[in-house]
C-alpha atoms as a PDB file:
ATOM      1  CA  MET A   1      -4.052 -14.652  11.534  1.00  0.00           C
ATOM      2  CA  VAL A   2      -3.483 -16.876   8.490  1.00  0.00           C
ATOM      3  CA  ALA A   3      -4.846 -20.468   8.791  1.00  0.00           C
ATOM      4  CA  ARG A   4      -2.612 -22.793   6.683  1.00  0.00           C
ATOM      5  CA  ASP A   5      -4.926 -25.704   6.714  1.00  0.00           C
ATOM      6  CA  GLY A   6      -7.470 -24.036   4.340  1.00  0.00           C
ATOM      7  CA  PRO A   7      -7.092 -23.322   0.602  1.00  0.00           C
ATOM      8  CA  GLY A   8      -4.659 -20.539  -0.394  1.00  0.00           C
ATOM      9  CA  PRO A   9      -3.448 -18.103  -1.299  1.00  0.00           C
ATOM     10  CA  HIS A  10      -3.259 -16.625   2.158  1.00  0.00           C
ATOM     11  CA  SER A  11      -2.833 -12.845   2.121  1.00  0.00           C
ATOM     12  CA  VAL A  12      -2.315 -10.614   5.131  1.00  0.00           C
ATOM     13  CA  GLN A  13      -2.670  -6.833   5.443  1.00  0.00           C
ATOM     14  CA  LEU A  14      -0.400  -5.226   7.904  1.00  0.00           C
ATOM     15  CA  TYR A  15      -0.071  -1.636   9.212  1.00  0.00           C
ATOM     16  CA  GLY A  16       2.659  -0.222  11.358  1.00  0.00           C
ATOM     17  CA  VAL A  17       4.783   2.984  11.876  1.00  0.00           C
ATOM     18  CA  ASP A  18       8.240   1.808  12.736  1.00  0.00           C
ATOM     19  CA  PRO A  19      10.069   0.381   9.710  1.00  0.00           C
ATOM     20  CA  ARG A  20      11.973  -2.176  11.661  1.00  0.00           C
ATOM     21  CA  THR A  21       9.021  -3.598  13.393  1.00  0.00           C
ATOM     22  CA  VAL A  22       6.971  -3.851  10.171  1.00  0.00           C
ATOM     23  CA  GLY A  23       9.879  -5.734   8.556  1.00  0.00           C
ATOM     24  CA  GLU A  24      10.052  -8.034  11.382  1.00  0.00           C
ATOM     25  CA  ALA A  25       6.299  -8.626  11.185  1.00  0.00           C
ATOM     26  CA  VAL A  26       6.432  -9.346   7.531  1.00  0.00           C
ATOM     27  CA  ARG A  27       9.287 -11.804   7.991  1.00  0.00           C
ATOM     28  CA  ALA A  28       7.328 -13.501  10.796  1.00  0.00           C
ATOM     29  CA  LEU A  29       4.062 -13.729   8.709  1.00  0.00           C
ATOM     30  CA  VAL A  30       5.899 -15.297   5.784  1.00  0.00           C
ATOM     31  CA  GLY A  31       8.357 -17.535   7.786  1.00  0.00           C
ATOM     32  CA  GLU A  32       6.342 -18.616  10.770  1.00  0.00           C
ATOM     33  CA  VAL A  33       2.757 -18.165   9.783  1.00  0.00           C
ATOM     34  CA  GLY A  34       3.045 -18.998   6.009  1.00  0.00           C
ATOM     35  CA  ALA A  35       1.501 -15.987   4.349  1.00  0.00           C
ATOM     36  CA  ASP A  36       1.511 -16.038   0.497  1.00  0.00           C
ATOM     37  CA  HIS A  37       1.282 -12.254   0.142  1.00  0.00           C
ATOM     38  CA  VAL A  38       1.527  -9.240   2.461  1.00  0.00           C
ATOM     39  CA  ASP A  39      -0.104  -5.919   1.786  1.00  0.00           C
ATOM     40  CA  LEU A  40       1.224  -2.929   3.783  1.00  0.00           C
ATOM     41  CA  ASN A  41      -1.665  -0.558   4.517  1.00  0.00           C
ATOM     42  CA  PHE A  42      -0.608   3.030   4.478  1.00  0.00           C
ATOM     43  CA  GLY A  43      -3.905   4.374   3.899  1.00  0.00           C
ATOM     44  CA  CYS A  44      -5.748   4.188   7.110  1.00  0.00           C
ATOM     45  CA  PRO A  45      -7.440   7.639   7.910  1.00  0.00           C
ATOM     46  CA  ALA A  46      -8.392   6.612  11.433  1.00  0.00           C
ATOM     47  CA  PRO A  47      -7.137   9.410  13.924  1.00  0.00           C
ATOM     48  CA  LYS A  48      -5.805   6.685  16.443  1.00  0.00           C
ATOM     49  CA  VAL A  49      -3.552   5.531  13.542  1.00  0.00           C
ATOM     50  CA  THR A  50      -2.674   8.758  11.911  1.00  0.00           C
ATOM     51  CA  ARG A  51      -1.989  10.478  15.307  1.00  0.00           C
ATOM     52  CA  LYS A  52       0.848   7.963  15.804  1.00  0.00           C
ATOM     53  CA  GLY A  53       2.287   8.857  12.317  1.00  0.00           C
ATOM     54  CA  GLY A  54       0.860   5.733  10.664  1.00  0.00           C
ATOM     55  CA  GLY A  55      -1.649   5.011   7.893  1.00  0.00           C
ATOM     56  CA  ALA A  56      -2.302   8.126   5.723  1.00  0.00           C
ATOM     57  CA  ALA A  57       0.116  10.291   7.843  1.00  0.00           C
ATOM     58  CA  LEU A  58       3.153   8.003   6.907  1.00  0.00           C
ATOM     59  CA  ARG A  59       5.721  10.047   5.150  1.00  0.00           C
ATOM     60  CA  PRO A  60       6.902   8.576   1.830  1.00  0.00           C
ATOM     61  CA  THR A  61      10.378   7.704   3.090  1.00  0.00           C
ATOM     62  CA  GLY A  62       8.731   5.861   6.031  1.00  0.00           C
ATOM     63  CA  ALA A  63       6.497   3.909   3.702  1.00  0.00           C
ATOM     64  CA  ALA A  64       9.454   2.848   1.599  1.00  0.00           C
ATOM     65  CA  ALA A  65      11.577   1.892   4.578  1.00  0.00           C
ATOM     66  CA  ALA A  66       8.664  -0.231   5.932  1.00  0.00           C
ATOM     67  CA  GLY A  67       8.479  -1.942   2.480  1.00  0.00           C
ATOM     68  CA  GLY A  68      11.717  -3.623   3.402  1.00  0.00           C
ATOM     69  CA  GLY A  69      13.916  -3.146   0.278  1.00  0.00           C
ATOM     70  CA  ARG A  70      14.466  -3.895  -3.250  1.00  0.00           C
ATOM     71  CA  ARG A  71      14.062  -7.718  -3.105  1.00  0.00           C
ATOM     72  CA  ARG A  72      10.236  -7.417  -2.693  1.00  0.00           C
ATOM     73  CA  ARG A  73       9.247  -7.217  -6.388  1.00  0.00           C
ATOM     74  CA  THR A  74      10.385 -10.819  -6.975  1.00  0.00           C
ATOM     75  CA  GLY A  75       9.445 -11.598  -3.449  1.00  0.00           C
ATOM     76  CA  GLY A  76       9.944 -10.726  -0.029  1.00  0.00           C
ATOM     77  CA  PRO A  77      11.093 -13.312   2.514  1.00  0.00           C
ATOM     78  CA  GLY A  78      10.549 -16.831   0.938  1.00  0.00           C
ATOM     79  CA  GLY A  79       9.658 -15.144  -2.458  1.00  0.00           C
ATOM     80  CA  VAL A  80       6.387 -13.679  -1.265  1.00  0.00           C
ATOM     81  CA  PRO A  81       5.134 -10.462  -2.920  1.00  0.00           C
ATOM     82  CA  VAL A  82       4.612  -7.357  -0.885  1.00  0.00           C
ATOM     83  CA  THR A  83       2.270  -4.685  -2.058  1.00  0.00           C
ATOM     84  CA  VAL A  84       1.534  -1.226  -0.633  1.00  0.00           C
ATOM     85  CA  LYS A  85      -1.668   0.795  -0.440  1.00  0.00           C
ATOM     86  CA  PHE A  86      -1.598   4.454   0.334  1.00  0.00           C
ATOM     87  CA  ARG A  87      -3.820   7.599   0.087  1.00  0.00           C
ATOM     88  CA  MET A  88      -3.140  10.776  -1.854  1.00  0.00           C
ATOM     89  CA  GLY A  89      -1.708  12.370   1.320  1.00  0.00           C
ATOM     90  CA  LEU A  90      -3.210  14.080   4.305  1.00  0.00           C
ATOM     91  CA  ASP A  91      -5.138  16.867   2.479  1.00  0.00           C
ATOM     92  CA  ALA A  92      -4.899  18.663  -0.839  1.00  0.00           C
ATOM     93  CA  GLY A  93      -1.944  21.005   0.618  1.00  0.00           C
ATOM     94  CA  TRP A  94       0.069  17.856   1.389  1.00  0.00           C
ATOM     95  CA  SER A  95      -0.035  15.302  -1.521  1.00  0.00           C
ATOM     96  CA  THR A  96       2.408  12.692  -1.221  1.00  0.00           C
ATOM     97  CA  PHE A  97       1.097   9.840  -3.503  1.00  0.00           C
ATOM     98  CA  LEU A  98       3.422  10.413  -6.581  1.00  0.00           C
ATOM     99  CA  GLU A  99       6.543  10.348  -4.375  1.00  0.00           C
ATOM    100  CA  THR A 100       5.331   7.374  -2.337  1.00  0.00           C
ATOM    101  CA  GLY A 101       4.481   5.543  -5.468  1.00  0.00           C
ATOM    102  CA  HIS A 102       7.930   6.320  -6.952  1.00  0.00           C
ATOM    103  CA  ILE A 103       9.753   5.190  -3.754  1.00  0.00           C
ATOM    104  CA  ALA A 104       7.737   2.028  -3.501  1.00  0.00           C
ATOM    105  CA  GLU A 105       8.575   1.280  -7.037  1.00  0.00           C
ATOM    106  CA  GLU A 106      12.316   1.896  -6.473  1.00  0.00           C
ATOM    107  CA  GLU A 107      12.186  -0.211  -3.250  1.00  0.00           C
ATOM    108  CA  GLY A 108      10.842  -3.170  -5.365  1.00  0.00           C
ATOM    109  CA  VAL A 109       7.285  -3.696  -4.069  1.00  0.00           C
ATOM    110  CA  ALA A 110       5.199  -5.946  -6.284  1.00  0.00           C
ATOM    111  CA  ALA A 111       2.373  -3.395  -6.850  1.00  0.00           C
ATOM    112  CA  VAL A 112       0.771  -0.214  -5.380  1.00  0.00           C
ATOM    113  CA  ALA A 113      -2.838   0.639  -4.744  1.00  0.00           C
ATOM    114  CA  LEU A 114      -3.917   4.339  -4.534  1.00  0.00           C
ATOM    115  CA  GLN A 115      -6.805   4.582  -2.185  1.00  0.00           C
ATOM    116  CA  ARG A 116      -9.379   7.294  -2.710  1.00  0.00           C
ATOM    117  CA  PRO A 117      -8.713  10.846  -1.827  1.00  0.00           C
ATOM    118  CA  HIS A 118      -6.683  12.481   0.831  1.00  0.00           C
ATOM    119  CA  ARG A 119      -7.216  11.398   4.461  1.00  0.00           C
ATOM    120  CA  ARG A 120      -9.100  14.520   5.376  1.00  0.00           C
ATOM    121  CA  ALA A 121     -11.674  13.586   2.589  1.00  0.00           C
ATOM    122  CA  ALA A 122     -11.641   9.841   3.309  1.00  0.00           C
ATOM    123  CA  LEU A 123     -15.373   9.665   4.379  1.00  0.00           C
ATOM    124  CA  ARG A 124     -16.573  11.582   1.375  1.00  0.00           C
ATOM    125  CA  ARG A 125     -17.247   9.653  -1.838  1.00  0.00           C
ATOM    126  CA  GLY A 126     -15.621  10.538  -4.866  1.00  0.00           C
ATOM    127  CA  ARG A 127     -12.954   8.563  -6.944  1.00  0.00           C
ATOM    128  CA  ARG A 128     -10.010  10.066  -8.454  1.00  0.00           C
ATOM    129  CA  LEU A 129      -9.262   8.467 -11.701  1.00  0.00           C
ATOM    130  CA  ASP A 130      -6.976  11.389 -12.677  1.00  0.00           C
ATOM    131  CA  ALA A 131      -4.772  10.631  -9.675  1.00  0.00           C
ATOM    132  CA  ILE A 132      -4.599   7.092 -10.532  1.00  0.00           C
ATOM    133  CA  ALA A 133      -3.568   7.981 -14.232  1.00  0.00           C
ATOM    134  CA  LEU A 134      -1.004  10.355 -12.756  1.00  0.00           C
ATOM    135  CA  LEU A 135       0.420   7.846 -10.542  1.00  0.00           C
ATOM    136  CA  LYS A 136       0.535   5.224 -13.328  1.00  0.00           C
ATOM    137  CA  ALA A 137       2.472   7.866 -15.480  1.00  0.00           C
ATOM    138  CA  ARG A 138       5.030   8.188 -12.719  1.00  0.00           C
ATOM    139  CA  VAL A 139       5.241   4.383 -11.719  1.00  0.00           C
ATOM    140  CA  ARG A 140       5.706   2.418 -14.867  1.00  0.00           C
ATOM    141  CA  SER A 141       7.277  -0.912 -13.926  1.00  0.00           C
ATOM    142  CA  ILE A 142       4.729  -2.302 -11.538  1.00  0.00           C
ATOM    143  CA  PRO A 143       0.934  -2.438 -11.410  1.00  0.00           C
ATOM    144  CA  VAL A 144      -1.060   0.588 -10.074  1.00  0.00           C
ATOM    145  CA  LEU A 145      -4.346  -0.243  -8.628  1.00  0.00           C
ATOM    146  CA  GLY A 146      -7.210   2.031  -7.667  1.00  0.00           C
ATOM    147  CA  ASN A 147      -8.841   1.193  -4.410  1.00  0.00           C
ATOM    148  CA  GLY A 148     -12.109   2.474  -2.945  1.00  0.00           C
ATOM    149  CA  ASP A 149     -15.128   4.114  -4.219  1.00  0.00           C
ATOM    150  CA  ILE A 150     -15.097   2.468  -7.551  1.00  0.00           C
ATOM    151  CA  TRP A 151     -18.518   1.000  -8.380  1.00  0.00           C
ATOM    152  CA  GLU A 152     -18.406   0.250 -12.087  1.00  0.00           C
ATOM    153  CA  ARG A 153     -15.831   0.258 -14.831  1.00  0.00           C
ATOM    154  CA  PRO A 154     -15.479   3.513 -16.663  1.00  0.00           C
ATOM    155  CA  THR A 155     -16.730   3.579 -20.204  1.00  0.00           C
ATOM    156  CA  ARG A 156     -13.375   4.135 -21.767  1.00  0.00           C
ATOM    157  CA  TRP A 157     -12.189   0.849 -20.226  1.00  0.00           C
ATOM    158  CA  ARG A 158     -14.980  -1.293 -21.613  1.00  0.00           C
END
């Protein structure tokens, strides 16, 4: 949990399946605990999470609803930014990242982060800079971050 007596900012990562419950948790973390940033983790590949429809198994519409609405870009409750992290999808046959990114942008999150590959490839190494570039081409008004398995800056970014 967030300890408000230390230096900030205080950021909390949250995961959930039910949009209403996640929304209530975001409001509580901001209003009662004092979080300065909330990151919604829709990228977890763990079977105990995906079996319940959460993490990497969360459908794009569920991710957007859990994000809590258009007010997030300028701030969620109390003006606090909410970001969303997600994977490319469950597997190569079910890629949802472009739709998820677009919906998150429309819902007003502050930024999105694409975690490396699909859920079923989660334990294998291998970044997907091409996927990050595709997502950035689709999501234009907010930052798009790459997450996971990036060990050095690519030559073209130097």
